[in-house]
Amino acid sequence: MANASAKKIANQNESAVKTLKLGMIVPTIISLILRLLFRRSSLPPSLGSLAIYVATFFPAFFLSNHLVKIGTTRRDPTTGTLISYGNDLNQPGVTEWCFDILYVTWACQIGSGAFGEWFWWFYMIIPLYAVFKLWTSVISPMVLGRSAASAALDTNAPEAEHTSKRQEKLRKRSEKGDPRIRAQPGRK
């Protein structure tokens, strides 16, 4: 079964790597076509527009190459058997955030081609989300002295006192004075 799981991850990674390789080319082409069709006056792009494009292309290029590198499967060249399936590109956390940054970058490239340079303001979602995550996981616990998880536990405190059916039965029996139930001394 483990081999089937490895093959499934390998197939998912191969399709994700194809998407990443196409994603570095296709949004640029679509942006240029949209500029040509809808915003012919914006050709050639202004210096500011090119600066924004280059400033966002390099992080996207770095993240794309990183994801391709960690997600590329290795197969035996003669038999085609799977040697290594690479890291799972569907895992949550940093890998997921890398994909999110790439998708936002690609959307901004296409949107700026169709609607104008103001669409690049959508890119501000990335640093705003980073500040939010930093606040909720690092700054707030240090400043306020507790984490969001402990605050959630405080609101659920009445539910934590709920006893199981067995404990409730034993409590009722002991209240009635059932001889089968005796108080056990506290354990240390």
N, C-alpha and C. Protein backbone atom coordinates (compact mmCIF):
# COMPACT_ATOMS: atom_id res chain seq x y z
N MET A 1 0.80 -1.20 0.00
CA MET A 1 0.00 0.00 0.00
C MET A 1 0.85 1.26 0.00
N ALA A 2 1.98 1.20 0.65
CA ALA A 2 2.85 2.37 0.71
C ALA A 2 3.33 2.73 -0.69
N ASN A 3 3.54 1.74 -1.53
CA ASN A 3 3.98 2.00 -2.90
C ASN A 3 2.88 2.72 -3.68
N ALA A 4 1.63 2.35 -3.44
CA ALA A 4 0.52 3.01 -4.13
C ALA A 4 0.43 4.47 -3.70
N SER A 5 0.66 4.73 -2.43
CA SER A 5 0.64 6.10 -1.93
C SER A 5 1.77 6.91 -2.57
N ALA A 6 2.95 6.32 -2.69
CA ALA A 6 4.08 7.00 -3.31
C ALA A 6 3.79 7.31 -4.77
N LYS A 7 3.15 6.38 -5.46
CA LYS A 7 2.81 6.62 -6.88
C LYS A 7 1.78 7.74 -7.00
N LYS A 8 0.82 7.78 -6.06
CA LYS A 8 -0.20 8.83 -6.10
C LYS A 8 0.45 10.20 -5.88
N ILE A 9 1.34 10.29 -4.90
CA ILE A 9 2.04 11.56 -4.64
C ILE A 9 2.90 11.94 -5.84
N ALA A 10 3.56 10.94 -6.45
CA ALA A 10 4.40 11.21 -7.62
C ALA A 10 3.57 11.77 -8.76
N ASN A 11 2.39 11.19 -9.02
CA ASN A 11 1.53 11.69 -10.09
C ASN A 11 1.04 13.11 -9.80
N GLN A 12 0.66 13.37 -8.55
CA GLN A 12 0.22 14.71 -8.18
C GLN A 12 1.37 15.72 -8.33
N ASN A 13 2.56 15.32 -7.91
CA ASN A 13 3.71 16.22 -8.04
C ASN A 13 4.05 16.49 -9.50
N GLU A 14 3.98 15.47 -10.35
CA GLU A 14 4.29 15.67 -11.76
C GLU A 14 3.32 16.65 -12.40
N SER A 15 2.04 16.55 -12.07
CA SER A 15 1.08 17.49 -12.65
C SER A 15 1.30 18.90 -12.08
N ALA A 16 1.65 19.01 -10.79
CA ALA A 16 1.92 20.32 -10.20
C ALA A 16 3.16 20.95 -10.82
N VAL A 17 4.18 20.14 -11.10
CA VAL A 17 5.41 20.66 -11.72
C VAL A 17 5.11 21.16 -13.13
N LYS A 18 4.27 20.44 -13.87
CA LYS A 18 3.87 20.91 -15.21
C LYS A 18 3.16 22.26 -15.11
N THR A 19 2.26 22.37 -14.15
CA THR A 19 1.52 23.61 -13.95
C THR A 19 2.48 24.75 -13.60
N LEU A 20 3.45 24.47 -12.76
CA LEU A 20 4.42 25.51 -12.38
C LEU A 20 5.24 25.97 -13.57
N LYS A 21 5.67 25.03 -14.39
CA LYS A 21 6.48 25.40 -15.56
C LYS A 21 5.66 26.22 -16.56
N LEU A 22 4.41 25.83 -16.78
CA LEU A 22 3.55 26.61 -17.66
C LEU A 22 3.19 27.95 -17.04
N GLY A 23 3.03 27.97 -15.73
CA GLY A 23 2.63 29.19 -15.04
C GLY A 23 3.65 30.29 -15.09
N MET A 24 4.86 29.98 -15.35
CA MET A 24 5.87 31.03 -15.46
C MET A 24 5.85 31.69 -16.85
N ILE A 25 5.23 31.04 -17.82
CA ILE A 25 5.21 31.57 -19.19
C ILE A 25 3.83 32.08 -19.59
N VAL A 26 2.80 31.29 -19.32
CA VAL A 26 1.45 31.58 -19.81
C VAL A 26 0.90 32.91 -19.30
N PRO A 27 1.00 33.26 -18.02
CA PRO A 27 0.44 34.56 -17.59
C PRO A 27 1.08 35.76 -18.28
N THR A 28 2.36 35.68 -18.57
CA THR A 28 3.02 36.78 -19.28
C THR A 28 2.47 36.91 -20.69
N ILE A 29 2.30 35.79 -21.37
CA ILE A 29 1.74 35.81 -22.73
C ILE A 29 0.31 36.33 -22.72
N ILE A 30 -0.50 35.84 -21.77
CA ILE A 30 -1.90 36.29 -21.67
C ILE A 30 -1.95 37.78 -21.38
N SER A 31 -1.08 38.26 -20.51
CA SER A 31 -1.04 39.69 -20.18
C SER A 31 -0.73 40.52 -21.42
N LEU A 32 0.25 40.08 -22.20
CA LEU A 32 0.59 40.82 -23.42
C LEU A 32 -0.56 40.79 -24.43
N ILE A 33 -1.22 39.65 -24.57
CA ILE A 33 -2.36 39.56 -25.50
C ILE A 33 -3.50 40.47 -25.04
N LEU A 34 -3.79 40.48 -23.73
CA LEU A 34 -4.85 41.34 -23.22
C LEU A 34 -4.51 42.81 -23.39
N ARG A 35 -3.24 43.16 -23.21
CA ARG A 35 -2.82 44.55 -23.45
C ARG A 35 -3.02 44.91 -24.92
N LEU A 36 -2.71 43.98 -25.79
CA LEU A 36 -2.85 44.23 -27.22
C LEU A 36 -4.32 44.38 -27.60
N LEU A 37 -5.19 43.56 -27.02
CA LEU A 37 -6.61 43.61 -27.37
C LEU A 37 -7.36 44.76 -26.71
N PHE A 38 -7.16 44.96 -25.42
CA PHE A 38 -7.99 45.91 -24.68
C PHE A 38 -7.30 47.23 -24.35
N ARG A 39 -6.01 47.23 -24.24
CA ARG A 39 -5.31 48.42 -23.79
C ARG A 39 -4.12 48.70 -24.69
N ARG A 40 -4.39 48.87 -25.94
CA ARG A 40 -3.34 49.08 -26.92
C ARG A 40 -2.50 50.33 -26.60
N SER A 41 -3.10 51.28 -25.93
CA SER A 41 -2.37 52.51 -25.60
C SER A 41 -1.28 52.25 -24.56
N SER A 42 -1.37 51.11 -23.84
CA SER A 42 -0.38 50.81 -22.81
C SER A 42 0.83 50.05 -23.37
N LEU A 43 0.87 49.91 -24.69
CA LEU A 43 2.03 49.26 -25.31
C LEU A 43 2.93 50.33 -25.89
N PRO A 44 4.19 50.31 -25.73
CA PRO A 44 4.94 49.45 -24.83
C PRO A 44 4.67 49.84 -23.38
N PRO A 45 4.81 48.89 -22.46
CA PRO A 45 4.53 49.19 -21.05
C PRO A 45 5.46 50.28 -20.51
N SER A 46 4.95 51.03 -19.56
CA SER A 46 5.74 52.11 -18.97
C SER A 46 6.88 51.54 -18.13
N LEU A 47 7.81 52.39 -17.77
CA LEU A 47 8.95 51.98 -16.96
C LEU A 47 8.49 51.49 -15.58
N GLY A 48 7.50 52.17 -15.00
CA GLY A 48 6.96 51.75 -13.71
C GLY A 48 6.30 50.39 -13.79
N SER A 49 5.58 50.15 -14.88
CA SER A 49 4.92 48.87 -15.08
C SER A 49 5.94 47.74 -15.20
N LEU A 50 7.00 48.01 -15.95
CA LEU A 50 8.05 47.00 -16.08
C LEU A 50 8.77 46.75 -14.75
N ALA A 51 8.95 47.82 -13.97
CA ALA A 51 9.61 47.66 -12.67
C ALA A 51 8.78 46.79 -11.74
N ILE A 52 7.47 47.01 -11.73
CA ILE A 52 6.59 46.17 -10.90
C ILE A 52 6.63 44.73 -11.38
N TYR A 53 6.58 44.55 -12.68
CA TYR A 53 6.61 43.19 -13.23
C TYR A 53 7.90 42.46 -12.84
N VAL A 54 9.03 43.13 -12.99
CA VAL A 54 10.32 42.51 -12.66
C VAL A 54 10.43 42.25 -11.16
N ALA A 55 9.96 43.22 -10.35
CA ALA A 55 10.04 43.06 -8.90
C ALA A 55 9.19 41.89 -8.40
N THR A 56 8.11 41.58 -9.09
CA THR A 56 7.28 40.44 -8.67
C THR A 56 7.67 39.15 -9.39
N PHE A 57 8.33 39.28 -10.52
CA PHE A 57 8.72 38.08 -11.28
C PHE A 57 9.81 37.30 -10.55
N PHE A 58 10.79 38.00 -9.98
CA PHE A 58 11.91 37.30 -9.35
C PHE A 58 11.48 36.45 -8.15
N PRO A 59 10.66 36.96 -7.23
CA PRO A 59 10.19 36.05 -6.16
C PRO A 59 9.38 34.88 -6.70
N ALA A 60 8.55 35.14 -7.71
CA ALA A 60 7.75 34.06 -8.29
C ALA A 60 8.66 33.03 -8.96
N PHE A 61 9.68 33.51 -9.65
CA PHE A 61 10.63 32.61 -10.31
C PHE A 61 11.37 31.76 -9.28
N PHE A 62 11.82 32.40 -8.19
CA PHE A 62 12.51 31.67 -7.12
C PHE A 62 11.60 30.61 -6.50
N LEU A 63 10.37 31.00 -6.16
CA LEU A 63 9.44 30.05 -5.53
C LEU A 63 9.07 28.91 -6.48
N SER A 64 8.87 29.23 -7.74
CA SER A 64 8.54 28.21 -8.72
C SER A 64 9.69 27.21 -8.86
N ASN A 65 10.91 27.71 -8.98
CA ASN A 65 12.05 26.80 -9.09
C ASN A 65 12.23 25.97 -7.83
N HIS A 66 11.99 26.57 -6.68
CA HIS A 66 12.09 25.82 -5.42
C HIS A 66 11.06 24.69 -5.39
N LEU A 67 9.83 24.99 -5.76
CA LEU A 67 8.78 23.96 -5.74
C LEU A 67 9.05 22.87 -6.78
N VAL A 68 9.55 23.26 -7.94
CA VAL A 68 9.90 22.26 -8.96
C VAL A 68 11.03 21.37 -8.44
N LYS A 69 12.00 21.97 -7.79
CA LYS A 69 13.15 21.21 -7.29
C LYS A 69 12.73 20.20 -6.23
N ILE A 70 11.89 20.62 -5.26
CA ILE A 70 11.52 19.70 -4.20
C ILE A 70 10.43 18.72 -4.62
N GLY A 71 9.70 19.03 -5.68
CA GLY A 71 8.59 18.17 -6.08
C GLY A 71 8.87 17.27 -7.26
N THR A 72 10.03 17.39 -7.87
CA THR A 72 10.33 16.59 -9.05
C THR A 72 10.56 15.13 -8.65
N THR A 73 9.90 14.25 -9.38
CA THR A 73 10.06 12.82 -9.12
C THR A 73 11.28 12.31 -9.86
N ARG A 74 11.91 11.29 -9.29
CA ARG A 74 13.04 10.65 -9.96
C ARG A 74 12.63 9.23 -10.31
N ARG A 75 12.86 8.89 -11.56
CA ARG A 75 12.54 7.54 -12.05
C ARG A 75 13.79 6.91 -12.65
N ASP A 76 13.81 5.61 -12.62
CA ASP A 76 14.91 4.87 -13.24
C ASP A 76 14.82 5.07 -14.75
N PRO A 77 15.90 5.52 -15.41
CA PRO A 77 15.82 5.82 -16.84
C PRO A 77 15.57 4.59 -17.71
N THR A 78 15.98 3.43 -17.27
CA THR A 78 15.80 2.24 -18.12
C THR A 78 14.44 1.60 -17.92
N THR A 79 14.02 1.43 -16.68
CA THR A 79 12.75 0.73 -16.42
C THR A 79 11.59 1.68 -16.17
N GLY A 80 11.87 2.89 -15.78
CA GLY A 80 10.81 3.85 -15.50
C GLY A 80 10.20 3.68 -14.12
N THR A 81 10.81 2.83 -13.29
CA THR A 81 10.28 2.66 -11.94
C THR A 81 10.59 3.86 -11.08
N LEU A 82 9.73 4.09 -10.14
CA LEU A 82 9.84 5.25 -9.27
C LEU A 82 10.96 5.06 -8.25
N ILE A 83 11.91 6.01 -8.25
CA ILE A 83 13.00 5.97 -7.28
C ILE A 83 12.65 6.86 -6.10
N SER A 84 12.25 8.10 -6.38
CA SER A 84 11.87 9.04 -5.34
C SER A 84 10.72 9.89 -5.87
N TYR A 85 9.71 10.09 -5.03
CA TYR A 85 8.57 10.89 -5.47
C TYR A 85 8.72 12.35 -5.08
N GLY A 86 9.80 12.72 -4.41
CA GLY A 86 10.01 14.11 -4.01
C GLY A 86 9.12 14.45 -2.82
N ASN A 87 9.18 15.70 -2.40
CA ASN A 87 8.31 16.15 -1.31
C ASN A 87 6.89 16.30 -1.81
N ASP A 88 5.94 16.05 -0.94
CA ASP A 88 4.54 16.19 -1.29
C ASP A 88 4.22 17.67 -1.46
N LEU A 89 3.83 18.07 -2.66
CA LEU A 89 3.52 19.47 -2.93
C LEU A 89 2.11 19.85 -2.48
N ASN A 90 1.34 18.89 -1.98
CA ASN A 90 0.00 19.19 -1.48
C ASN A 90 -0.02 19.39 0.03
N GLN A 91 1.14 19.38 0.66
CA GLN A 91 1.18 19.52 2.11
C GLN A 91 0.87 20.95 2.52
N PRO A 92 0.22 21.11 3.67
CA PRO A 92 -0.10 22.46 4.14
C PRO A 92 1.14 23.14 4.70
N GLY A 93 1.02 24.43 4.92
CA GLY A 93 2.13 25.18 5.50
C GLY A 93 2.87 26.00 4.47
N VAL A 94 4.18 25.97 4.54
CA VAL A 94 5.01 26.83 3.68
C VAL A 94 4.82 26.50 2.20
N THR A 95 4.71 25.23 1.87
CA THR A 95 4.50 24.85 0.47
C THR A 95 3.20 25.45 -0.06
N GLU A 96 2.17 25.40 0.74
CA GLU A 96 0.89 25.97 0.36
C GLU A 96 0.99 27.48 0.18
N TRP A 97 1.74 28.14 1.07
CA TRP A 97 1.92 29.59 0.95
C TRP A 97 2.70 29.95 -0.30
N CYS A 98 3.67 29.12 -0.68
CA CYS A 98 4.43 29.36 -1.93
C CYS A 98 3.48 29.34 -3.12
N PHE A 99 2.59 28.35 -3.16
CA PHE A 99 1.62 28.29 -4.25
C PHE A 99 0.70 29.51 -4.23
N ASP A 100 0.28 29.94 -3.05
CA ASP A 100 -0.59 31.11 -2.96
C ASP A 100 0.09 32.35 -3.52
N ILE A 101 1.36 32.54 -3.19
CA ILE A 101 2.10 33.70 -3.71
C ILE A 101 2.20 33.63 -5.23
N LEU A 102 2.45 32.43 -5.75
CA LEU A 102 2.52 32.28 -7.21
C LEU A 102 1.18 32.60 -7.87
N TYR A 103 0.10 32.10 -7.30
CA TYR A 103 -1.22 32.33 -7.89
C TYR A 103 -1.59 33.82 -7.86
N VAL A 104 -1.28 34.49 -6.76
CA VAL A 104 -1.56 35.93 -6.68
C VAL A 104 -0.71 36.69 -7.70
N THR A 105 0.54 36.30 -7.85
CA THR A 105 1.42 36.95 -8.84
C THR A 105 0.87 36.76 -10.24
N TRP A 106 0.49 35.55 -10.58
CA TRP A 106 -0.04 35.28 -11.91
C TRP A 106 -1.35 36.04 -12.15
N ALA A 107 -2.21 36.11 -11.13
CA ALA A 107 -3.46 36.86 -11.27
C ALA A 107 -3.19 38.34 -11.48
N CYS A 108 -2.20 38.87 -10.77
CA CYS A 108 -1.86 40.29 -10.93
C CYS A 108 -1.28 40.57 -12.32
N GLN A 109 -0.49 39.65 -12.85
CA GLN A 109 0.05 39.83 -14.19
C GLN A 109 -1.08 39.88 -15.22
N ILE A 110 -1.99 38.93 -15.13
CA ILE A 110 -3.10 38.89 -16.09
C ILE A 110 -4.03 40.07 -15.88
N GLY A 111 -4.34 40.38 -14.62
CA GLY A 111 -5.24 41.50 -14.32
C GLY A 111 -4.68 42.83 -14.76
N SER A 112 -3.37 43.02 -14.61
CA SER A 112 -2.78 44.29 -15.05
C SER A 112 -2.82 44.41 -16.57
N GLY A 113 -2.75 43.29 -17.26
CA GLY A 113 -2.86 43.33 -18.71
C GLY A 113 -4.26 43.68 -19.16
N ALA A 114 -5.27 43.22 -18.42
CA ALA A 114 -6.66 43.46 -18.81
C ALA A 114 -7.20 44.77 -18.28
N PHE A 115 -6.88 45.12 -17.03
CA PHE A 115 -7.55 46.24 -16.39
C PHE A 115 -6.66 47.45 -16.13
N GLY A 116 -5.36 47.27 -16.09
CA GLY A 116 -4.47 48.40 -15.85
C GLY A 116 -3.55 48.15 -14.68
N GLU A 117 -2.66 49.11 -14.50
CA GLU A 117 -1.63 48.96 -13.49
C GLU A 117 -2.16 49.00 -12.07
N TRP A 118 -3.34 49.55 -11.84
CA TRP A 118 -3.92 49.59 -10.50
C TRP A 118 -4.16 48.19 -9.96
N PHE A 119 -4.25 47.20 -10.84
CA PHE A 119 -4.53 45.83 -10.41
C PHE A 119 -3.40 45.26 -9.58
N TRP A 120 -2.22 45.84 -9.68
CA TRP A 120 -1.09 45.37 -8.89
C TRP A 120 -1.31 45.62 -7.40
N TRP A 121 -2.24 46.47 -7.00
CA TRP A 121 -2.55 46.68 -5.59
C TRP A 121 -3.08 45.39 -4.96
N PHE A 122 -3.63 44.51 -5.77
CA PHE A 122 -4.10 43.21 -5.29
C PHE A 122 -2.95 42.40 -4.70
N TYR A 123 -1.75 42.68 -5.12
CA TYR A 123 -0.55 41.99 -4.63
C TYR A 123 -0.31 42.27 -3.15
N MET A 124 -0.90 43.33 -2.62
CA MET A 124 -0.74 43.69 -1.21
C MET A 124 -1.37 42.65 -0.28
N ILE A 125 -2.16 41.75 -0.82
CA ILE A 125 -2.74 40.68 -0.01
C ILE A 125 -1.63 39.84 0.64
N ILE A 126 -0.53 39.65 -0.07
CA ILE A 126 0.56 38.80 0.44
C ILE A 126 1.19 39.39 1.70
N PRO A 127 1.67 40.64 1.71
CA PRO A 127 2.25 41.15 2.95
C PRO A 127 1.21 41.34 4.06
N LEU A 128 -0.04 41.66 3.71
CA LEU A 128 -1.08 41.79 4.73
C LEU A 128 -1.34 40.45 5.42
N TYR A 129 -1.38 39.38 4.65
CA TYR A 129 -1.56 38.05 5.24
C TYR A 129 -0.36 37.67 6.10
N ALA A 130 0.84 38.03 5.65
CA ALA A 130 2.04 37.74 6.43
C ALA A 130 2.01 38.47 7.77
N VAL A 131 1.58 39.73 7.77
CA VAL A 131 1.47 40.49 9.01
C VAL A 131 0.41 39.86 9.92
N PHE A 132 -0.71 39.43 9.35
CA PHE A 132 -1.75 38.77 10.13
C PHE A 132 -1.22 37.50 10.80
N LYS A 133 -0.53 36.65 10.04
CA LYS A 133 0.02 35.41 10.60
C LYS A 133 1.07 35.71 11.66
N LEU A 134 1.89 36.71 11.41
CA LEU A 134 2.91 37.10 12.39
C LEU A 134 2.25 37.60 13.67
N TRP A 135 1.19 38.38 13.54
CA TRP A 135 0.50 38.90 14.72
C TRP A 135 -0.14 37.76 15.52
N THR A 136 -0.87 36.88 14.84
CA THR A 136 -1.61 35.84 15.57
C THR A 136 -0.71 34.76 16.14
N SER A 137 0.45 34.52 15.54
CA SER A 137 1.27 33.42 16.04
C SER A 137 2.49 33.85 16.84
N VAL A 138 2.94 35.11 16.71
CA VAL A 138 4.16 35.52 17.41
C VAL A 138 3.91 36.75 18.29
N ILE A 139 3.48 37.84 17.70
CA ILE A 139 3.41 39.11 18.42
C ILE A 139 2.33 39.10 19.50
N SER A 140 1.12 38.70 19.15
CA SER A 140 0.03 38.69 20.11
C SER A 140 0.31 37.79 21.31
N PRO A 141 0.81 36.57 21.12
CA PRO A 141 1.13 35.76 22.31
C PRO A 141 2.21 36.38 23.19
N MET A 142 3.18 37.07 22.59
CA MET A 142 4.22 37.70 23.41
C MET A 142 3.69 38.92 24.14
N VAL A 143 2.91 39.74 23.46
CA VAL A 143 2.42 40.98 24.05
C VAL A 143 1.29 40.71 25.05
N LEU A 144 0.33 39.89 24.65
CA LEU A 144 -0.82 39.64 25.50
C LEU A 144 -0.60 38.48 26.47
N GLY A 145 0.44 37.72 26.27
CA GLY A 145 0.78 36.65 27.19
C GLY A 145 0.01 35.37 27.00
N ARG A 146 -0.75 35.27 25.95
CA ARG A 146 -1.45 34.02 25.67
C ARG A 146 -1.70 33.91 24.18
N SER A 147 -1.92 32.70 23.76
CA SER A 147 -2.12 32.47 22.33
C SER A 147 -3.60 32.45 22.01
N ALA A 148 -3.91 32.44 20.74
CA ALA A 148 -5.30 32.36 20.31
C ALA A 148 -5.90 31.02 20.70
N ALA A 149 -5.09 29.98 20.75
CA ALA A 149 -5.59 28.66 21.13
C ALA A 149 -6.05 28.65 22.58
N SER A 150 -5.31 29.33 23.48
CA SER A 150 -5.71 29.35 24.88
C SER A 150 -6.96 30.20 25.07
N ALA A 151 -7.11 31.24 24.26
CA ALA A 151 -8.32 32.06 24.34
C ALA A 151 -9.53 31.25 23.90
N ALA A 152 -9.36 30.39 22.91
CA ALA A 152 -10.46 29.54 22.46
C ALA A 152 -10.81 28.52 23.54
N LEU A 153 -9.82 28.04 24.29
CA LEU A 153 -10.09 27.10 25.36
C LEU A 153 -10.87 27.75 26.49
N ASP A 154 -10.62 29.03 26.77
CA ASP A 154 -11.34 29.73 27.83
C ASP A 154 -12.83 29.83 27.50
N THR A 155 -13.18 30.03 26.25
CA THR A 155 -14.58 30.15 25.88
C THR A 155 -15.28 28.80 25.94
N ASN A 156 -14.52 27.71 25.80
CA ASN A 156 -15.11 26.37 25.83
C ASN A 156 -14.97 25.72 27.20
N ALA A 157 -14.64 26.46 28.24
CA ALA A 157 -14.42 25.89 29.56
C ALA A 157 -15.65 25.18 30.12
N PRO A 158 -16.87 25.71 29.99
CA PRO A 158 -18.02 24.98 30.53
C PRO A 158 -18.19 23.61 29.88
N GLU A 159 -17.85 23.49 28.61
CA GLU A 159 -17.98 22.21 27.95
C GLU A 159 -16.93 21.22 28.43
N ALA A 160 -15.78 21.70 28.90
CA ALA A 160 -14.71 20.82 29.33
C ALA A 160 -15.08 20.10 30.62
N GLU A 161 -16.02 20.64 31.43
CA GLU A 161 -16.43 20.02 32.67
C GLU A 161 -17.44 18.90 32.46
N HIS A 162 -17.89 18.70 31.27
CA HIS A 162 -18.86 17.66 30.96
C HIS A 162 -18.24 16.30 31.23
N THR A 163 -18.96 15.45 31.93
CA THR A 163 -18.45 14.13 32.26
C THR A 163 -19.07 13.09 31.34
N SER A 164 -18.41 11.96 31.24
CA SER A 164 -18.92 10.89 30.39
C SER A 164 -20.11 10.22 31.06
N LYS A 165 -20.83 9.41 30.30
CA LYS A 165 -21.99 8.71 30.83
C LYS A 165 -21.58 7.77 31.97
N ARG A 166 -20.47 7.10 31.80
CA ARG A 166 -20.01 6.17 32.83
C ARG A 166 -19.70 6.91 34.12
N GLN A 167 -19.00 8.05 34.01
CA GLN A 167 -18.68 8.81 35.21
C GLN A 167 -19.95 9.33 35.88
N GLU A 168 -20.93 9.73 35.09
CA GLU A 168 -22.19 10.22 35.63
C GLU A 168 -22.93 9.10 36.38
N LYS A 169 -22.94 7.88 35.80
CA LYS A 169 -23.57 6.74 36.47
C LYS A 169 -22.89 6.42 37.79
N LEU A 170 -21.58 6.42 37.78
CA LEU A 170 -20.84 6.12 39.01
C LEU A 170 -21.08 7.18 40.08
N ARG A 171 -21.18 8.43 39.68
CA ARG A 171 -21.45 9.49 40.63
C ARG A 171 -22.83 9.32 41.27
N LYS A 172 -23.84 9.00 40.44
CA LYS A 172 -25.19 8.80 40.96
C LYS A 172 -25.24 7.61 41.92
N ARG A 173 -24.54 6.53 41.57
CA ARG A 173 -24.52 5.35 42.43
C ARG A 173 -23.87 5.67 43.78
N SER A 174 -22.78 6.42 43.72
CA SER A 174 -22.09 6.75 44.97
C SER A 174 -22.95 7.66 45.85
N GLU A 175 -23.75 8.55 45.23
CA GLU A 175 -24.65 9.41 45.99
C GLU A 175 -25.74 8.60 46.69
N LYS A 176 -26.18 7.51 46.05
CA LYS A 176 -27.20 6.65 46.64
C LYS A 176 -26.63 5.74 47.72
N GLY A 177 -25.31 5.66 47.77
CA GLY A 177 -24.67 4.81 48.77
C GLY A 177 -24.53 3.38 48.32
N ASP A 178 -24.41 3.16 47.05
CA ASP A 178 -24.23 1.81 46.50
C ASP A 178 -22.94 1.21 47.06
N PRO A 179 -23.01 -0.01 47.64
CA PRO A 179 -21.81 -0.61 48.23
C PRO A 179 -20.76 -0.99 47.18
N ARG A 180 -21.17 -1.13 45.93
CA ARG A 180 -20.19 -1.49 44.89
C ARG A 180 -19.26 -0.32 44.57
N ILE A 181 -19.71 0.86 44.90
CA ILE A 181 -18.91 2.05 44.62
C ILE A 181 -18.27 2.51 45.92
N ARG A 182 -17.00 2.61 45.93
CA ARG A 182 -16.32 3.12 47.09
C ARG A 182 -15.35 4.21 46.63
N ALA A 183 -15.16 5.14 47.48
CA ALA A 183 -14.26 6.25 47.15
C ALA A 183 -12.82 5.76 47.17
N GLN A 184 -12.13 6.03 46.09
CA GLN A 184 -10.72 5.62 46.02
C GLN A 184 -9.86 6.77 46.50
N PRO A 185 -8.83 6.43 47.27
CA PRO A 185 -7.94 7.51 47.72
C PRO A 185 -7.24 8.14 46.51
N GLY A 186 -6.96 9.44 46.63
CA GLY A 186 -6.30 10.15 45.53
C GLY A 186 -4.92 9.58 45.26
N ARG A 187 -4.59 9.43 44.00
CA ARG A 187 -3.28 8.90 43.58
C ARG A 187 -2.28 10.02 43.47
N LYS A 188 -1.05 9.70 43.80
CA LYS A 188 0.01 10.69 43.70
C LYS A 188 1.00 10.31 42.66
